[in-house]
Amino acid sequence: MDRLTSMAVFIKAVDLGSFAATAEALDLSGPMVGKHVRFLEQRLGVRLLNRTTRRQNLTDFGRAYYERCRVILAEAEAADALAADQLSEPRGKLRVTMPVHFGRRCVAPILLELARRYPALELDLSMNDRFADLAEDDYDLAIRTGELEDKPGLIARRVARQRMIVCASPSYLDRHGMPQRLEDLGSHAAIIYRRSGGVRPWLFPQGDQPPIEVMPSGRLRLDDLDAIADAAVTGMGLAWLPSWLVRDRLQAGTLLQLLPEQPEFPYDCYALWLQTPHLPLKVRLAVDALAAALPKVMD
C-alpha cells in the first residue's frame, strides 16, 4: 500500500473519530480504512489506535505520529503545488499594507504593473504608516522600512535599500550657514519625523563601527515625510529624508544635499509575510517583482 495514502487515511480517521465516518468522507469501504491503519502499525511495529466497538483513542505514540504525519502531508502538498504554480497564473485578491509615501511613490507602481500583466490578479492596497498585524488584519504581504521587530511566524525578505540624506533649502543656508561636519548639525534647527510619539536619531555610517547618532532638535515635529520636505523647502530647518523622496527637489535646486562626502545611511526595505508551508504564487511573484524593480526606483 502507498504510505502517504495510508497516512492521509489515518489522519482523517483521527480527525473524524471513527472508521465509518472516514470511509464515507474518503469514499472507501470500512474494512479498507482499517487496512490502511493496520498497514502503518505493521510497518512501524507500534499500535497507533486503541479501538473498541464504541470508541477509538490514540496511543501516546499514535498522537506523536499523527502530528508528524500532518507535517509530512502538508509538505508533500506544498511540493506538488510548486509544479501547479509553474503552469498557472496568479489569481485572486492580493492584500498588501505599506507606508504611505513609500507605498504610493515606489511600491504601488510596481504592483500595478504586476496586475496589468496578470488580469486574474486583484489588488487591495492599504497605504498606512501603522504597523498592521498580518494575521489579525488578513494581509498577504506587508512592506516595511527600517529595523524590524523579531516576531515568530513572520518571514522577511529585504527587497531594497533607501539612502538617507540631510538637506536644507538655499534660503535656510543663507541665513544660518552651511554645516561642515556632523558635529555642526546639533547647532541647527531640524524638522523632526515623529512616528508613534517617538523621535529617532539621524544615523551616519562609519565603516565597521556602529553608526554615529545625531539626535535632532527643533520646534517642528511631523509624521508625514512629504510635509517635512515641503517645510524644508520653505527654509524651516534641516531634514533627514530618503533620497528618492527629495530627488526632484534636489534637481530643481529647492533643496541642497548637505555633507555630500558623508556616507549615506541605508535603511533596509522589507517584504514580510506569514510563515507557511507553501507560499502562494501571487505573493511570491509580488515579492520577486519588488526585489527586481525597487532598487532601480530608489537609486
Protein backbone atom coordinates (compact mmCIF):
# COMPACT_ATOMS: atom_id res chain seq x y z
CA MET A 1 0.00 0.00 0.00
CA ASP A 2 1.09 3.59 -0.53
CA ARG A 3 2.45 5.03 2.69
CA LEU A 4 1.34 8.64 2.08
CA THR A 5 -2.18 7.47 1.25
CA SER A 6 -2.29 5.43 4.44
CA MET A 7 -1.07 8.45 6.42
CA ALA A 8 -3.86 10.55 4.92
CA VAL A 9 -6.46 7.92 5.86
CA PHE A 10 -5.04 7.68 9.38
CA ILE A 11 -5.22 11.47 9.84
CA LYS A 12 -8.80 11.55 8.62
CA ALA A 13 -9.74 8.70 10.96
CA VAL A 14 -8.31 10.62 13.91
CA ASP A 15 -9.97 13.87 12.86
CA LEU A 16 -13.41 12.29 12.34
CA GLY A 17 -13.21 9.90 15.27
CA SER A 18 -14.43 6.74 13.52
CA PHE A 19 -13.60 4.42 10.65
CA ALA A 20 -17.16 4.61 9.37
CA ALA A 21 -17.11 8.41 9.05
CA THR A 22 -13.69 8.21 7.42
CA ALA A 23 -14.88 5.66 4.89
CA GLU A 24 -17.81 7.87 3.94
CA ALA A 25 -15.65 11.02 3.69
CA LEU A 26 -12.99 9.33 1.53
CA ASP A 27 -15.37 7.11 -0.46
CA LEU A 28 -13.73 3.93 0.87
CA SER A 29 -15.10 0.81 2.46
CA GLY A 30 -14.87 0.46 6.24
CA PRO A 31 -12.51 -2.53 6.00
CA MET A 32 -10.21 -0.58 3.66
CA VAL A 33 -9.85 2.19 6.23
CA GLY A 34 -8.85 -0.44 8.76
CA LYS A 35 -6.32 -1.93 6.31
CA HIS A 36 -4.60 1.42 5.89
CA VAL A 37 -4.23 1.90 9.63
CA ARG A 38 -3.03 -1.68 10.17
CA PHE A 39 -0.54 -1.25 7.34
CA LEU A 40 1.04 1.64 9.19
CA GLU A 41 1.00 -0.19 12.52
CA GLN A 42 2.64 -3.26 10.99
CA ARG A 43 5.23 -1.15 9.24
CA LEU A 44 6.05 0.72 12.46
CA GLY A 45 5.65 -2.22 14.81
CA VAL A 46 3.67 0.01 17.17
CA ARG A 47 -0.06 0.39 17.84
CA LEU A 48 -1.48 3.76 16.80
CA LEU A 49 -5.10 3.44 17.89
CA ASN A 50 -6.86 1.63 20.72
CA ARG A 51 -10.26 0.67 19.33
CA THR A 52 -13.37 -0.75 20.93
CA THR A 53 -16.84 -1.24 19.48
CA ARG A 54 -17.84 2.20 20.79
CA ARG A 55 -14.77 4.41 20.60
CA GLN A 56 -11.21 4.80 19.45
CA ASN A 57 -8.33 6.57 21.18
CA LEU A 58 -4.84 7.47 20.07
CA THR A 59 -1.98 5.79 21.88
CA ASP A 60 0.80 8.07 23.14
CA PHE A 61 2.92 7.10 20.14
CA GLY A 62 -0.11 7.45 17.86
CA ARG A 63 -0.60 11.04 18.99
CA ALA A 64 3.02 11.94 18.20
CA TYR A 65 2.86 10.08 14.89
CA TYR A 66 -0.38 11.86 13.98
CA GLU A 67 1.30 15.29 14.40
CA ARG A 68 4.28 14.26 12.27
CA CYS A 69 2.01 12.85 9.57
CA ARG A 70 0.20 16.19 9.33
CA VAL A 71 3.51 17.98 8.75
CA ILE A 72 4.68 15.42 6.18
CA LEU A 73 1.46 15.58 4.16
CA ALA A 74 1.44 19.40 4.24
CA GLU A 75 4.98 19.43 2.84
CA ALA A 76 4.03 16.89 0.18
CA GLU A 77 1.07 19.02 -0.89
CA ALA A 78 3.27 22.12 -0.97
CA ALA A 79 5.78 20.30 -3.18
CA ASP A 80 3.01 19.25 -5.58
CA ALA A 81 1.70 22.83 -5.63
CA LEU A 82 5.06 24.08 -6.88
CA ALA A 83 4.50 22.27 -10.14
CA ALA A 84 0.98 23.63 -10.39
CA ASP A 85 2.33 27.16 -9.88
CA GLN A 86 4.64 26.78 -12.85
CA LEU A 87 1.67 26.05 -15.09
CA SER A 88 -0.71 28.68 -13.75
CA GLU A 89 -1.08 32.43 -13.34
CA PRO A 90 -1.61 34.31 -10.08
CA ARG A 91 -5.26 34.93 -9.34
CA GLY A 92 -7.46 36.15 -6.55
CA LYS A 93 -7.02 39.06 -4.14
CA LEU A 94 -3.57 40.18 -3.01
CA ARG A 95 -3.83 42.34 0.13
CA VAL A 96 -0.76 44.48 0.82
CA THR A 97 -0.10 47.06 3.54
CA MET A 98 2.70 49.62 3.11
CA PRO A 99 3.90 53.02 4.38
CA VAL A 100 2.04 55.93 2.82
CA HIS A 101 4.69 57.76 0.79
CA PHE A 102 7.00 54.87 0.11
CA GLY A 103 3.98 52.84 -0.93
CA ARG A 104 2.48 55.44 -3.22
CA ARG A 105 5.74 56.55 -4.86
CA CYS A 106 7.70 53.30 -5.05
CA VAL A 107 5.71 50.14 -4.25
CA ALA A 108 2.28 50.72 -5.80
CA PRO A 109 3.53 51.36 -9.37
CA ILE A 110 5.35 48.01 -9.35
CA LEU A 111 2.32 46.11 -8.07
CA LEU A 112 0.03 47.88 -10.54
CA GLU A 113 2.31 46.74 -13.35
CA LEU A 114 2.06 43.20 -11.97
CA ALA A 115 -1.74 43.44 -12.02
CA ARG A 116 -1.62 44.70 -15.61
CA ARG A 117 0.37 41.61 -16.63
CA TYR A 118 -1.97 39.19 -14.83
CA PRO A 119 -5.66 40.02 -15.40
CA ALA A 120 -6.86 37.43 -12.86
CA LEU A 121 -4.94 39.13 -10.04
CA GLU A 122 -6.85 41.55 -7.79
CA LEU A 123 -5.07 44.19 -5.69
CA ASP A 124 -6.20 45.52 -2.32
CA LEU A 125 -3.54 48.05 -1.25
CA SER A 126 -3.53 49.84 2.09
CA MET A 127 -1.19 52.81 2.48
CA ASN A 128 -0.83 53.37 6.19
CA ASP A 129 2.15 54.02 8.45
CA ARG A 130 0.52 51.93 11.18
CA PHE A 131 2.21 48.56 11.75
CA ALA A 132 -0.54 46.14 10.76
CA ASP A 133 -0.80 42.62 12.15
CA LEU A 134 -0.69 40.33 9.11
CA ALA A 135 -2.76 37.59 10.73
CA GLU A 136 -5.37 39.69 12.51
CA ASP A 137 -5.81 42.18 9.65
CA ASP A 138 -5.75 39.44 6.99
CA TYR A 139 -2.95 40.85 4.84
CA ASP A 140 -0.95 38.68 2.46
CA LEU A 141 2.06 40.96 2.47
CA ALA A 142 3.49 43.91 4.39
CA ILE A 143 6.14 46.33 3.15
CA ARG A 144 8.21 47.97 5.87
CA THR A 145 11.38 50.04 6.17
CA GLY A 146 13.99 50.28 8.90
CA GLU A 147 14.51 47.90 11.80
CA LEU A 148 12.05 45.04 12.22
CA GLU A 149 10.77 43.52 15.42
CA ASP A 150 11.65 39.87 15.86
CA LYS A 151 8.22 38.25 15.65
CA PRO A 152 7.71 34.49 15.43
CA GLY A 153 5.83 33.18 12.43
CA LEU A 154 6.92 36.00 10.10
CA ILE A 155 9.24 35.73 7.12
CA ALA A 156 11.12 38.84 5.96
CA ARG A 157 13.00 39.41 2.72
CA ARG A 158 14.98 42.55 2.01
CA VAL A 159 13.81 43.95 -1.31
CA ALA A 160 15.70 47.27 -1.45
CA ARG A 161 17.63 49.91 0.47
CA GLN A 162 16.80 53.59 0.70
CA ARG A 163 19.59 56.12 1.18
CA MET A 164 19.03 58.77 3.84
CA ILE A 165 20.45 62.26 3.25
CA VAL A 166 20.49 65.58 5.13
CA CYS A 167 19.15 68.50 3.12
CA ALA A 168 18.08 72.10 3.50
CA SER A 169 16.88 74.98 1.34
CA PRO A 170 19.21 77.65 -0.05
CA SER A 171 17.29 80.30 1.93
CA TYR A 172 17.90 78.48 5.22
CA LEU A 173 21.60 78.07 4.46
CA ASP A 174 21.91 81.75 3.51
CA ARG A 175 20.60 82.68 6.97
CA HIS A 176 22.29 80.04 9.12
CA GLY A 177 25.34 78.90 7.19
CA MET A 178 26.37 75.54 5.72
CA PRO A 179 27.19 72.73 8.19
CA GLN A 180 30.71 71.49 7.52
CA ARG A 181 30.86 68.49 9.90
CA LEU A 182 28.44 66.14 11.61
CA GLU A 183 29.16 67.98 14.86
CA ASP A 184 27.68 71.14 13.32
CA LEU A 185 24.24 69.59 12.87
CA GLY A 186 23.40 69.97 16.56
CA SER A 187 23.50 73.75 16.29
CA HIS A 188 20.89 73.83 13.52
CA ALA A 189 17.13 73.65 13.67
CA ALA A 190 15.80 70.29 12.48
CA ILE A 191 12.42 69.31 11.11
CA ILE A 192 11.75 66.11 13.01
CA TYR A 193 9.97 63.00 11.82
CA ARG A 194 7.81 61.67 14.61
CA ARG A 195 6.07 58.31 14.43
CA SER A 196 4.12 56.72 17.30
CA GLY A 197 5.26 59.52 19.57
CA GLY A 198 8.97 58.69 19.32
CA VAL A 199 11.86 60.64 17.81
CA ARG A 200 14.68 58.61 16.32
CA PRO A 201 18.26 59.79 15.85
CA TRP A 202 19.75 60.56 12.48
CA LEU A 203 22.29 57.88 11.63
CA PHE A 204 25.57 58.19 9.77
CA PRO A 205 27.72 55.15 8.84
CA GLN A 206 31.35 54.90 9.93
CA GLY A 207 32.73 51.75 8.34
CA ASP A 208 32.64 48.65 10.50
CA GLN A 209 31.77 50.64 13.62
CA PRO A 210 28.22 51.36 14.82
CA PRO A 211 26.74 54.41 13.05
CA ILE A 212 27.12 57.86 14.59
CA GLU A 213 23.83 59.04 16.08
CA VAL A 214 22.75 62.67 15.92
CA MET A 215 19.59 63.46 17.88
CA PRO A 216 17.72 66.20 16.00
CA SER A 217 16.24 69.15 17.87
CA GLY A 218 13.74 71.69 16.67
CA ARG A 219 10.25 73.06 17.15
CA LEU A 220 8.65 71.28 14.20
CA ARG A 221 7.59 67.64 14.53
CA LEU A 222 5.62 65.94 11.76
CA ASP A 223 4.60 62.38 10.96
CA ASP A 224 4.45 62.99 7.18
CA LEU A 225 7.66 62.79 5.13
CA ASP A 226 6.34 64.89 2.26
CA ALA A 227 5.29 67.61 4.71
CA ILE A 228 8.81 67.57 6.18
CA ALA A 229 10.29 68.01 2.70
CA ASP A 230 7.88 70.88 1.99
CA ALA A 231 8.78 72.56 5.29
CA ALA A 232 12.48 72.21 4.47
CA VAL A 233 11.89 73.87 1.08
CA THR A 234 10.36 76.89 2.84
CA GLY A 235 13.52 77.29 4.96
CA MET A 236 12.26 75.95 8.27
CA GLY A 237 15.31 73.79 9.00
CA LEU A 238 17.36 70.73 8.12
CA ALA A 239 15.68 67.46 7.17
CA TRP A 240 16.92 63.86 7.06
CA LEU A 241 14.98 62.18 4.29
CA PRO A 242 15.12 59.31 1.76
CA SER A 243 16.90 60.33 -1.43
CA TRP A 244 14.03 59.08 -3.63
CA LEU A 245 11.61 61.42 -1.85
CA VAL A 246 13.64 64.59 -2.44
CA ARG A 247 15.18 63.68 -5.81
CA ASP A 248 13.01 66.15 -7.76
CA ARG A 249 13.56 68.93 -5.23
CA LEU A 250 17.33 68.40 -5.37
CA GLN A 251 17.29 68.51 -9.17
CA ALA A 252 15.18 71.68 -9.09
CA GLY A 253 17.55 73.30 -6.57
CA THR A 254 14.85 73.96 -3.96
CA LEU A 255 16.80 71.67 -1.62
CA LEU A 256 20.54 71.09 -1.35
CA GLN A 257 22.23 67.97 -0.04
CA LEU A 258 24.48 68.66 2.95
CA LEU A 259 27.70 66.88 3.88
CA PRO A 260 27.91 65.09 0.49
CA GLU A 261 31.22 63.48 1.49
CA GLN A 262 29.50 61.74 4.41
CA PRO A 263 28.34 58.17 3.60
CA GLU A 264 24.56 57.93 3.39
CA PHE A 265 22.78 55.68 5.86
CA PRO A 266 20.99 52.78 4.10
CA TYR A 267 17.56 51.99 5.52
CA ASP A 268 16.54 48.47 4.53
CA CYS A 269 13.15 47.86 2.95
CA TYR A 270 11.46 44.52 3.59
CA ALA A 271 8.59 42.41 2.36
CA LEU A 272 7.02 40.39 5.17
CA TRP A 273 4.56 37.51 5.09
CA LEU A 274 3.25 34.82 7.40
CA GLN A 275 5.27 31.62 7.54
CA THR A 276 3.51 28.93 5.53
CA PRO A 277 4.45 25.53 4.08
CA HIS A 278 3.67 26.85 0.59
CA LEU A 279 3.96 30.49 -0.39
CA PRO A 280 1.05 31.38 -2.71
CA LEU A 281 2.06 32.20 -6.25
CA LYS A 282 0.56 35.71 -6.09
CA VAL A 283 2.70 36.55 -3.03
CA ARG A 284 5.88 35.04 -4.46
CA LEU A 285 5.54 36.93 -7.74
CA ALA A 286 4.83 40.20 -5.93
CA VAL A 287 7.93 39.84 -3.73
CA ASP A 288 10.11 38.91 -6.71
CA ALA A 289 8.80 41.89 -8.69
CA LEU A 290 9.55 44.28 -5.82
CA ALA A 291 13.05 42.86 -5.30
CA ALA A 292 13.80 43.29 -9.01
CA ALA A 293 12.34 46.78 -9.54
CA LEU A 294 12.61 48.69 -6.25
CA PRO A 295 16.40 49.12 -6.23
CA LYS A 296 16.18 50.86 -9.63
CA VAL A 297 13.40 53.15 -8.41
CA MET A 298 15.37 54.13 -5.31
CA ASP A 299 18.79 54.80 -6.90
